[in-house]
Amino acid sequence: MNEPAAPGRVGDVRRRNLSLVLDSIARTGDAKPSRAQLAAGTGLTKAAVSSLVADLVESGLVSEVGLYRDGERGRPGQGLELSARRGVVGMEINVDYLAVGLVDLGGSLRFRSTVESRNRGLAPNVVMERLGNLTAEARAAAAADGIAIMGGGLAVPGLVDEQRNVVLSAPNLHWEREQLNPRSLLEDAPLGVRLSNEANSAALGELWYGDGQPDFLYVSGEVGVGGGVVIGSELYLGPGGSAGELGHIVVHPEGPSCSCGGAGCLETFAGQEAIFQAARIPEGSLSERTELLLTALAAAEPQATQAVHDAGRYLGVALASSARLMDIETVVLGGHFAVLNEWLRPALLASLERYAPGLLDPTHLTVSHLGHSGTLLGAAGQVIRSVIESPFEFLLASKLA
């Protein structure tokens, strides 16, 4: 005897199929598939695909573009792509700057703005107010381009509880168990604002919008040093969400005290501030100090050269240990490690060869080409991926907003 159909089963099938079709469009990139091609690729009937596409077009998630023939016979088909009229705002709080970016559904960075801001020790509400002013620029840019904002992603340099919007620990900001209200940054966005760790967001930005390797360790170089671990094209967070804390691997047991409370951490030798101090770069804005450091390196000034050499050497120690422990074969350098790569790399490779000979192929030690945009793309991309994986929830949220 057949069991009666469970309530909502037809609706559940439609939810899955909406996601299947939207994901198929997303994966084709610039190919812009037709309805017939989607039907062939997904195994759904042409009638089912046409109905699903109609919902996605009506919601603004998908746009119809151009006309072309799939073959010699039949009517021309319209290509389909993720809409450039829907977007997500990526936002970043770091120790010495704030940044926002507007990313459309197809992954294009449509607007970006960064301002230097000394956030260390400031109350979270003060920093959030400053970020809110910057986010207003992204909203204005979206309005000017006719882009409807679906939601936002906020990245901070610390361990976070995403579900409760709590920054559990951000030593370089001097924040401990600070409650944030990310939604206040985009009050009208139907999907709200998602909180995440800066290095993890940058790793996801590299995964989705960079070279797209399925397995790698992303190394974030800022005032602190962070890491994001990607395995099988998925971000690995660990049971407590703190996996990838590369900056707090001990590389010198007798080294200086660290902001984490320990001593001899990688961050104390290879963090941005540590390099500036060792290179005797005077106080000033981040851009000024970076320019002075690069000028000193180009002139082969001994203190600057030694500071970056030491940073590379200790980074190699940390990567050698990480590669042995996690069986990671590819490393992507971001932040100031990417900027300093020309001078940092020789000492880094020599260190890897000494402490882990043959373990990391130098060709697998790469530099991110996304720059600081990677964190914004990753923070926004997490929201975009949630829409692609569950478009029905977006449709529902949009109706309730």
Protein backbone atom coordinates (compact mmCIF):
# COMPACT_ATOMS: atom_id res chain seq x y z
CA MET A 1 0.00 0.00 0.00
CA ASN A 2 1.39 3.37 -1.05
CA GLU A 3 1.90 5.99 1.66
CA PRO A 4 0.04 9.27 1.16
CA ALA A 5 2.15 12.14 -0.11
CA ALA A 6 3.60 14.14 2.76
CA PRO A 7 2.34 17.70 3.03
CA GLY A 8 4.66 20.15 1.36
CA ARG A 9 6.50 17.50 -0.65
CA VAL A 10 5.69 19.15 -4.01
CA GLY A 11 6.85 22.46 -2.58
CA ASP A 12 10.08 20.88 -1.37
CA VAL A 13 10.76 19.51 -4.84
CA ARG A 14 10.21 22.94 -6.34
CA ARG A 15 12.60 24.47 -3.81
CA ARG A 16 15.30 21.98 -4.74
CA ASN A 17 14.72 22.51 -8.45
CA LEU A 18 14.90 26.30 -8.11
CA SER A 19 18.29 25.88 -6.48
CA LEU A 20 19.37 23.35 -9.11
CA VAL A 21 18.54 25.70 -11.98
CA LEU A 22 20.03 28.80 -10.33
CA ASP A 23 23.22 26.92 -9.44
CA SER A 24 23.48 25.63 -13.00
CA ILE A 25 23.26 29.18 -14.34
CA ALA A 26 25.89 30.32 -11.81
CA ARG A 27 28.31 27.54 -12.76
CA THR A 28 28.21 28.35 -16.48
CA GLY A 29 29.78 31.76 -15.88
CA ASP A 30 29.90 33.68 -19.15
CA ALA A 31 28.32 30.87 -21.18
CA LYS A 32 24.75 32.17 -20.64
CA PRO A 33 22.79 28.93 -21.13
CA SER A 34 19.36 28.78 -22.73
CA ARG A 35 16.34 27.09 -21.17
CA ALA A 36 16.86 24.11 -23.46
CA GLN A 37 20.48 23.78 -22.37
CA LEU A 38 19.47 23.96 -18.71
CA ALA A 39 16.91 21.23 -19.24
CA ALA A 40 19.53 19.02 -20.87
CA GLY A 41 22.08 19.73 -18.13
CA THR A 42 19.76 19.27 -15.15
CA GLY A 43 17.60 16.43 -16.43
CA LEU A 44 14.43 18.45 -15.82
CA THR A 45 11.76 18.82 -18.47
CA LYS A 46 11.76 21.92 -20.65
CA ALA A 47 8.37 22.87 -19.23
CA ALA A 48 9.66 22.60 -15.64
CA VAL A 49 12.76 24.65 -16.45
CA SER A 50 10.67 27.34 -18.17
CA SER A 51 8.43 27.63 -15.11
CA LEU A 52 11.37 27.80 -12.70
CA VAL A 53 13.22 30.33 -14.84
CA ALA A 54 10.09 32.48 -14.96
CA ASP A 55 10.10 32.67 -11.15
CA LEU A 56 13.83 33.47 -11.05
CA VAL A 57 13.49 36.20 -13.68
CA GLU A 58 10.48 37.70 -11.93
CA SER A 59 12.40 37.78 -8.63
CA GLY A 60 15.27 39.64 -10.27
CA LEU A 61 17.81 36.89 -9.58
CA VAL A 62 18.20 35.97 -13.25
CA SER A 63 18.33 38.13 -16.38
CA GLU A 64 17.58 37.19 -19.97
CA VAL A 65 20.26 38.24 -22.43
CA GLY A 66 20.55 38.09 -26.20
CA LEU A 67 19.12 35.65 -28.71
CA TYR A 68 20.93 32.75 -30.29
CA ARG A 69 20.16 29.38 -31.87
CA ASP A 70 21.00 26.10 -30.14
CA GLY A 71 21.02 24.44 -33.58
CA GLU A 72 19.94 24.99 -37.15
CA ARG A 73 16.26 24.42 -36.40
CA GLY A 74 13.82 25.87 -33.94
CA ARG A 75 13.24 29.31 -32.52
CA PRO A 76 16.18 31.32 -31.16
CA GLY A 77 16.73 30.85 -27.42
CA GLN A 78 17.47 33.54 -24.86
CA GLY A 79 20.59 33.25 -22.76
CA LEU A 80 20.35 33.42 -18.97
CA GLU A 81 22.76 34.88 -16.42
CA LEU A 82 22.82 35.89 -12.77
CA SER A 83 21.35 39.35 -12.55
CA ALA A 84 23.59 42.40 -12.34
CA ARG A 85 20.59 44.23 -10.82
CA ARG A 86 20.86 42.42 -7.50
CA GLY A 87 23.80 42.93 -5.18
CA VAL A 88 25.33 42.36 -1.76
CA VAL A 89 27.47 44.79 0.24
CA GLY A 90 30.74 43.37 1.55
CA MET A 91 32.13 45.24 4.57
CA GLU A 92 35.36 44.95 6.52
CA ILE A 93 36.53 46.28 9.87
CA ASN A 94 40.27 46.02 10.33
CA VAL A 95 42.71 47.53 12.80
CA ASP A 96 43.71 50.49 10.66
CA TYR A 97 41.04 50.77 7.97
CA LEU A 98 37.41 50.27 7.04
CA ALA A 99 36.26 49.06 3.63
CA VAL A 100 33.03 48.43 1.75
CA GLY A 101 32.30 46.95 -1.64
CA LEU A 102 29.18 46.37 -3.72
CA VAL A 103 29.19 42.95 -5.41
CA ASP A 104 26.53 42.01 -7.93
CA LEU A 105 25.02 38.55 -8.08
CA GLY A 106 27.42 37.54 -10.84
CA GLY A 107 30.42 38.37 -8.65
CA SER A 108 31.50 41.68 -10.20
CA LEU A 109 32.78 44.30 -7.77
CA ARG A 110 30.74 47.32 -8.82
CA PHE A 111 31.91 49.77 -6.15
CA ARG A 112 34.66 49.86 -3.54
CA SER A 113 35.72 52.39 -0.94
CA THR A 114 38.41 52.18 1.75
CA VAL A 115 39.24 54.73 4.44
CA GLU A 116 42.05 54.63 6.95
CA SER A 117 40.68 54.45 10.48
CA ARG A 118 42.56 53.67 13.69
CA ASN A 119 40.07 51.29 15.23
CA ARG A 120 42.22 49.63 17.89
CA GLY A 121 40.72 50.23 21.33
CA LEU A 122 37.65 52.06 20.02
CA ALA A 123 34.24 50.97 21.24
CA PRO A 124 32.43 48.77 18.71
CA ASN A 125 29.51 51.20 18.44
CA VAL A 126 31.91 53.98 17.38
CA VAL A 127 33.50 51.80 14.72
CA MET A 128 30.12 50.58 13.51
CA GLU A 129 28.92 54.18 13.18
CA ARG A 130 31.95 55.00 11.03
CA LEU A 131 31.36 51.91 8.94
CA GLY A 132 27.72 52.89 8.57
CA ASN A 133 28.77 56.19 7.01
CA LEU A 134 30.94 54.32 4.53
CA THR A 135 28.20 51.80 3.80
CA ALA A 136 25.95 54.71 2.84
CA GLU A 137 28.30 55.29 -0.10
CA ALA A 138 27.75 51.73 -1.28
CA ARG A 139 23.98 52.17 -0.98
CA ALA A 140 24.17 55.36 -3.03
CA ALA A 141 26.26 53.62 -5.69
CA ALA A 142 23.75 50.77 -5.82
CA ALA A 143 20.84 53.20 -6.23
CA ALA A 144 22.66 55.05 -9.00
CA ASP A 145 23.18 51.80 -10.93
CA GLY A 146 19.69 50.45 -10.26
CA ILE A 147 20.98 47.61 -8.09
CA ALA A 148 18.72 46.27 -5.34
CA ILE A 149 20.71 45.28 -2.25
CA MET A 150 19.80 41.79 -1.00
CA GLY A 151 21.98 41.77 2.11
CA GLY A 152 25.50 42.23 3.41
CA GLY A 153 28.53 40.48 4.81
CA LEU A 154 30.71 41.98 7.56
CA ALA A 155 34.24 40.64 8.13
CA VAL A 156 36.28 41.38 11.27
CA PRO A 157 39.79 40.27 12.30
CA GLY A 158 38.80 37.92 15.08
CA LEU A 159 36.90 34.86 16.18
CA VAL A 160 33.14 35.36 15.80
CA ASP A 161 29.87 33.71 16.76
CA GLU A 162 27.96 34.27 13.55
CA GLN A 163 24.62 33.10 14.92
CA ARG A 164 24.63 35.54 17.85
CA ASN A 165 26.55 38.35 16.08
CA VAL A 166 29.22 38.36 18.78
CA VAL A 167 32.91 39.06 18.28
CA LEU A 168 34.31 36.50 20.71
CA SER A 169 37.90 37.67 20.52
CA ALA A 170 39.65 40.23 18.33
CA PRO A 171 42.91 40.94 20.21
CA ASN A 172 44.25 43.50 17.76
CA LEU A 173 41.07 45.55 18.12
CA HIS A 174 41.03 44.98 21.91
CA TRP A 175 37.53 43.50 21.58
CA GLU A 176 36.40 40.59 23.73
CA ARG A 177 32.83 39.21 23.64
CA GLU A 178 31.45 42.30 21.98
CA GLN A 179 27.86 42.20 20.75
CA LEU A 180 27.37 43.80 17.33
CA ASN A 181 24.25 44.77 15.42
CA PRO A 182 25.30 44.20 11.79
CA ARG A 183 21.74 44.54 10.50
CA SER A 184 21.77 48.22 11.45
CA LEU A 185 24.19 48.77 8.56
CA LEU A 186 21.59 47.68 5.99
CA GLU A 187 18.24 47.85 7.73
CA ASP A 188 16.12 47.42 4.58
CA ALA A 189 18.04 44.46 3.13
CA PRO A 190 15.82 41.34 3.19
CA LEU A 191 18.69 38.99 4.06
CA GLY A 192 20.29 41.16 6.74
CA VAL A 193 24.05 41.20 7.35
CA ARG A 194 26.19 38.13 8.02
CA LEU A 195 29.18 38.34 10.40
CA SER A 196 32.39 36.45 9.57
CA ASN A 197 36.12 36.26 10.22
CA GLU A 198 38.30 38.39 7.91
CA ALA A 199 40.79 35.67 6.92
CA ASN A 200 38.04 33.13 6.30
CA SER A 201 36.18 35.62 4.11
CA ALA A 202 39.35 36.33 2.14
CA ALA A 203 39.87 32.58 1.66
CA LEU A 204 36.34 32.23 0.29
CA GLY A 205 36.90 35.23 -1.96
CA GLU A 206 39.95 33.44 -3.35
CA LEU A 207 37.96 30.21 -3.79
CA TRP A 208 35.04 31.80 -5.63
CA TYR A 209 36.60 34.73 -7.42
CA GLY A 210 40.34 33.96 -7.52
CA ASP A 211 42.17 30.95 -8.92
CA GLY A 212 39.57 28.60 -7.47
CA GLN A 213 41.85 25.79 -6.25
CA PRO A 214 39.80 23.20 -4.31
CA ASP A 215 42.38 22.76 -1.52
CA PHE A 216 44.61 25.49 -0.13
CA LEU A 217 45.68 27.50 2.88
CA TYR A 218 45.06 31.23 2.53
CA VAL A 219 47.42 33.43 4.56
CA SER A 220 46.12 36.87 5.43
CA GLY A 221 48.71 39.51 6.19
CA GLU A 222 47.42 42.54 8.09
CA VAL A 223 48.33 43.98 11.50
CA GLY A 224 47.59 40.43 12.57
CA VAL A 225 48.24 37.29 10.58
CA GLY A 226 45.28 35.05 9.83
CA GLY A 227 44.58 31.94 7.84
CA GLY A 228 41.68 30.31 6.05
CA VAL A 229 41.68 26.59 5.29
CA VAL A 230 39.80 25.36 2.21
CA ILE A 231 39.44 21.60 1.71
CA GLY A 232 37.36 20.12 -1.09
CA SER A 233 36.15 23.62 -2.05
CA GLU A 234 34.70 24.03 1.45
CA LEU A 235 35.93 26.29 4.23
CA TYR A 236 37.13 24.27 7.21
CA LEU A 237 36.38 26.01 10.51
CA GLY A 238 37.01 23.29 13.06
CA PRO A 239 34.68 22.34 15.95
CA GLY A 240 35.02 25.73 17.63
CA GLY A 241 35.25 27.81 14.48
CA SER A 242 38.86 28.87 15.07
CA ALA A 243 40.76 26.70 12.60
CA GLY A 244 43.39 28.51 10.56
CA GLU A 245 44.82 30.77 13.30
CA LEU A 246 48.20 30.75 11.60
CA GLY A 247 49.31 34.01 13.21
CA HIS A 248 49.35 32.40 16.64
CA ILE A 249 51.50 29.41 15.80
CA VAL A 250 54.59 29.67 18.00
CA VAL A 251 57.65 30.09 15.77
CA HIS A 252 60.12 31.23 18.47
CA PRO A 253 59.54 29.94 22.03
CA GLU A 254 61.57 32.79 23.50
CA GLY A 255 60.00 35.43 21.28
CA PRO A 256 58.13 38.60 22.30
CA SER A 257 54.70 38.72 23.91
CA CYS A 258 51.72 38.54 21.56
CA SER A 259 48.32 40.22 21.68
CA CYS A 260 46.77 36.77 22.14
CA GLY A 261 48.43 36.42 25.53
CA GLY A 262 51.06 33.99 24.34
CA ALA A 263 54.63 34.61 23.22
CA GLY A 264 56.73 33.99 20.13
CA CYS A 265 53.73 33.84 17.75
CA LEU A 266 54.23 34.30 14.01
CA GLU A 267 52.31 37.58 14.25
CA THR A 268 55.02 39.12 16.43
CA PHE A 269 57.54 38.69 13.59
CA ALA A 270 55.48 38.79 10.40
CA GLY A 271 52.52 40.99 11.24
CA GLN A 272 52.33 44.35 9.51
CA GLU A 273 53.14 46.37 12.63
CA ALA A 274 55.98 44.03 13.57
CA ILE A 275 57.61 44.53 10.17
CA PHE A 276 57.19 48.32 10.32
CA GLN A 277 58.82 48.45 13.74
CA ALA A 278 61.70 46.15 12.83
CA ALA A 279 62.31 48.17 9.67
CA ARG A 280 62.31 51.41 11.71
CA ILE A 281 59.44 52.87 9.69
CA PRO A 282 58.16 55.98 11.53
CA GLU A 283 54.56 56.39 12.68
CA GLY A 284 52.05 57.64 10.12
CA SER A 285 49.15 56.50 8.02
CA LEU A 286 49.09 52.96 6.68
CA SER A 287 49.60 54.12 3.10
CA GLU A 288 52.51 56.36 4.07
CA ARG A 289 54.26 53.65 6.08
CA THR A 290 53.76 51.07 3.33
CA GLU A 291 55.23 53.44 0.76
CA LEU A 292 58.23 54.15 3.01
CA LEU A 293 58.82 50.42 3.51
CA LEU A 294 58.66 49.67 -0.21
CA THR A 295 61.04 52.54 -0.93
CA ALA A 296 63.47 51.26 1.70
CA LEU A 297 63.31 47.73 0.27
CA ALA A 298 63.89 48.98 -3.26
CA ALA A 299 66.97 50.80 -1.97
CA ALA A 300 68.12 47.63 -0.16
CA GLU A 301 68.27 49.43 3.18
CA PRO A 302 69.59 46.89 5.73
CA GLN A 303 66.95 47.28 8.46
CA ALA A 304 64.01 46.99 6.05
CA THR A 305 65.63 44.10 4.20
CA GLN A 306 66.32 42.24 7.45
CA ALA A 307 62.79 42.86 8.79
CA VAL A 308 61.16 41.36 5.70
CA HIS A 309 63.72 38.55 5.57
CA ASP A 310 62.87 37.61 9.17
CA ALA A 311 59.15 37.79 8.44
CA GLY A 312 59.63 35.41 5.50
CA ARG A 313 61.79 33.06 7.53
CA TYR A 314 59.30 32.75 10.37
CA LEU A 315 56.38 32.50 7.97
CA GLY A 316 58.20 29.52 6.45
CA VAL A 317 58.46 27.90 9.89
CA ALA A 318 54.71 28.27 10.41
CA LEU A 319 53.84 27.01 6.94
CA ALA A 320 56.17 24.02 7.29
CA SER A 321 54.37 22.96 10.47
CA SER A 322 50.93 23.64 8.97
CA ALA A 323 51.67 21.71 5.78
CA ARG A 324 52.90 18.67 7.72
CA LEU A 325 49.91 18.70 10.05
CA MET A 326 47.18 19.30 7.46
CA ASP A 327 48.65 17.84 4.25
CA ILE A 328 48.09 21.15 2.45
CA GLU A 329 49.94 21.40 -0.87
CA THR A 330 48.95 24.91 -1.96
CA VAL A 331 49.39 28.20 -0.11
CA VAL A 332 47.98 31.55 -1.24
CA LEU A 333 49.52 34.71 0.22
CA GLY A 334 47.34 37.77 0.68
CA GLY A 335 47.47 41.19 2.31
CA HIS A 336 50.94 42.62 2.92
CA PHE A 337 52.52 39.23 2.16
CA ALA A 338 51.36 39.68 -1.43
CA VAL A 339 52.65 43.26 -1.52
CA LEU A 340 56.05 42.22 -0.12
CA ASN A 341 56.30 38.97 -2.09
CA GLU A 342 59.30 40.08 -4.18
CA TRP A 343 61.44 40.60 -1.06
CA LEU A 344 59.79 38.07 1.24
CA ARG A 345 59.79 35.05 -1.06
CA PRO A 346 63.52 34.12 -1.07
CA ALA A 347 63.67 33.83 2.73
CA LEU A 348 60.30 32.06 2.81
CA LEU A 349 61.38 29.43 0.28
CA ALA A 350 64.71 28.92 2.03
CA SER A 351 62.90 28.41 5.32
CA LEU A 352 60.50 25.90 3.80
CA GLU A 353 63.38 24.00 2.24
CA ARG A 354 65.17 23.83 5.59
CA TYR A 355 62.21 22.84 7.78
CA ALA A 356 60.07 20.90 5.30
CA PRO A 357 62.25 19.93 2.32
CA GLY A 358 60.24 18.94 -0.72
CA LEU A 359 56.90 19.31 1.07
CA LEU A 360 55.65 22.48 -0.65
CA ASP A 361 56.42 22.92 -4.34
CA PRO A 362 57.43 26.58 -4.91
CA THR A 363 55.00 26.74 -7.82
CA HIS A 364 52.22 25.98 -5.33
CA LEU A 365 53.14 28.99 -3.22
CA THR A 366 51.10 31.65 -4.97
CA VAL A 367 50.03 35.25 -4.46
CA SER A 368 46.42 36.42 -4.45
CA HIS A 369 45.59 38.85 -7.23
CA LEU A 370 42.44 40.07 -5.50
CA GLY A 371 44.24 42.39 -3.08
CA HIS A 372 42.13 43.73 -0.25
CA SER A 373 39.05 43.18 -2.43
CA GLY A 374 39.25 39.47 -1.62
CA THR A 375 37.82 39.95 1.87
CA LEU A 376 34.94 42.06 0.55
CA LEU A 377 34.22 39.55 -2.22
CA GLY A 378 34.27 36.67 0.26
CA ALA A 379 32.08 38.44 2.82
CA ALA A 380 29.53 39.31 0.15
CA GLY A 381 29.97 35.96 -1.60
CA GLN A 382 28.78 34.04 1.44
CA VAL A 383 25.43 35.77 1.15
CA ILE A 384 25.35 35.32 -2.63
CA ARG A 385 26.06 31.60 -2.25
CA SER A 386 23.25 31.30 0.31
CA VAL A 387 20.86 32.77 -2.25
CA ILE A 388 22.06 30.43 -5.00
CA GLU A 389 21.73 27.43 -2.69
CA SER A 390 18.31 28.47 -1.34
CA PRO A 391 16.61 30.94 -3.71
CA PHE A 392 13.19 30.09 -2.29
CA GLU A 393 14.23 31.53 1.08
CA PHE A 394 15.27 34.75 -0.64
CA LEU A 395 11.93 34.96 -2.43
CA LEU A 396 10.16 34.46 0.89
CA ALA A 397 12.37 36.99 2.71
CA SER A 398 11.80 39.55 -0.03
CA LYS A 399 8.04 39.22 0.33
CA LEU A 400 8.21 39.58 4.11
CA ALA A 401 10.66 42.52 4.10
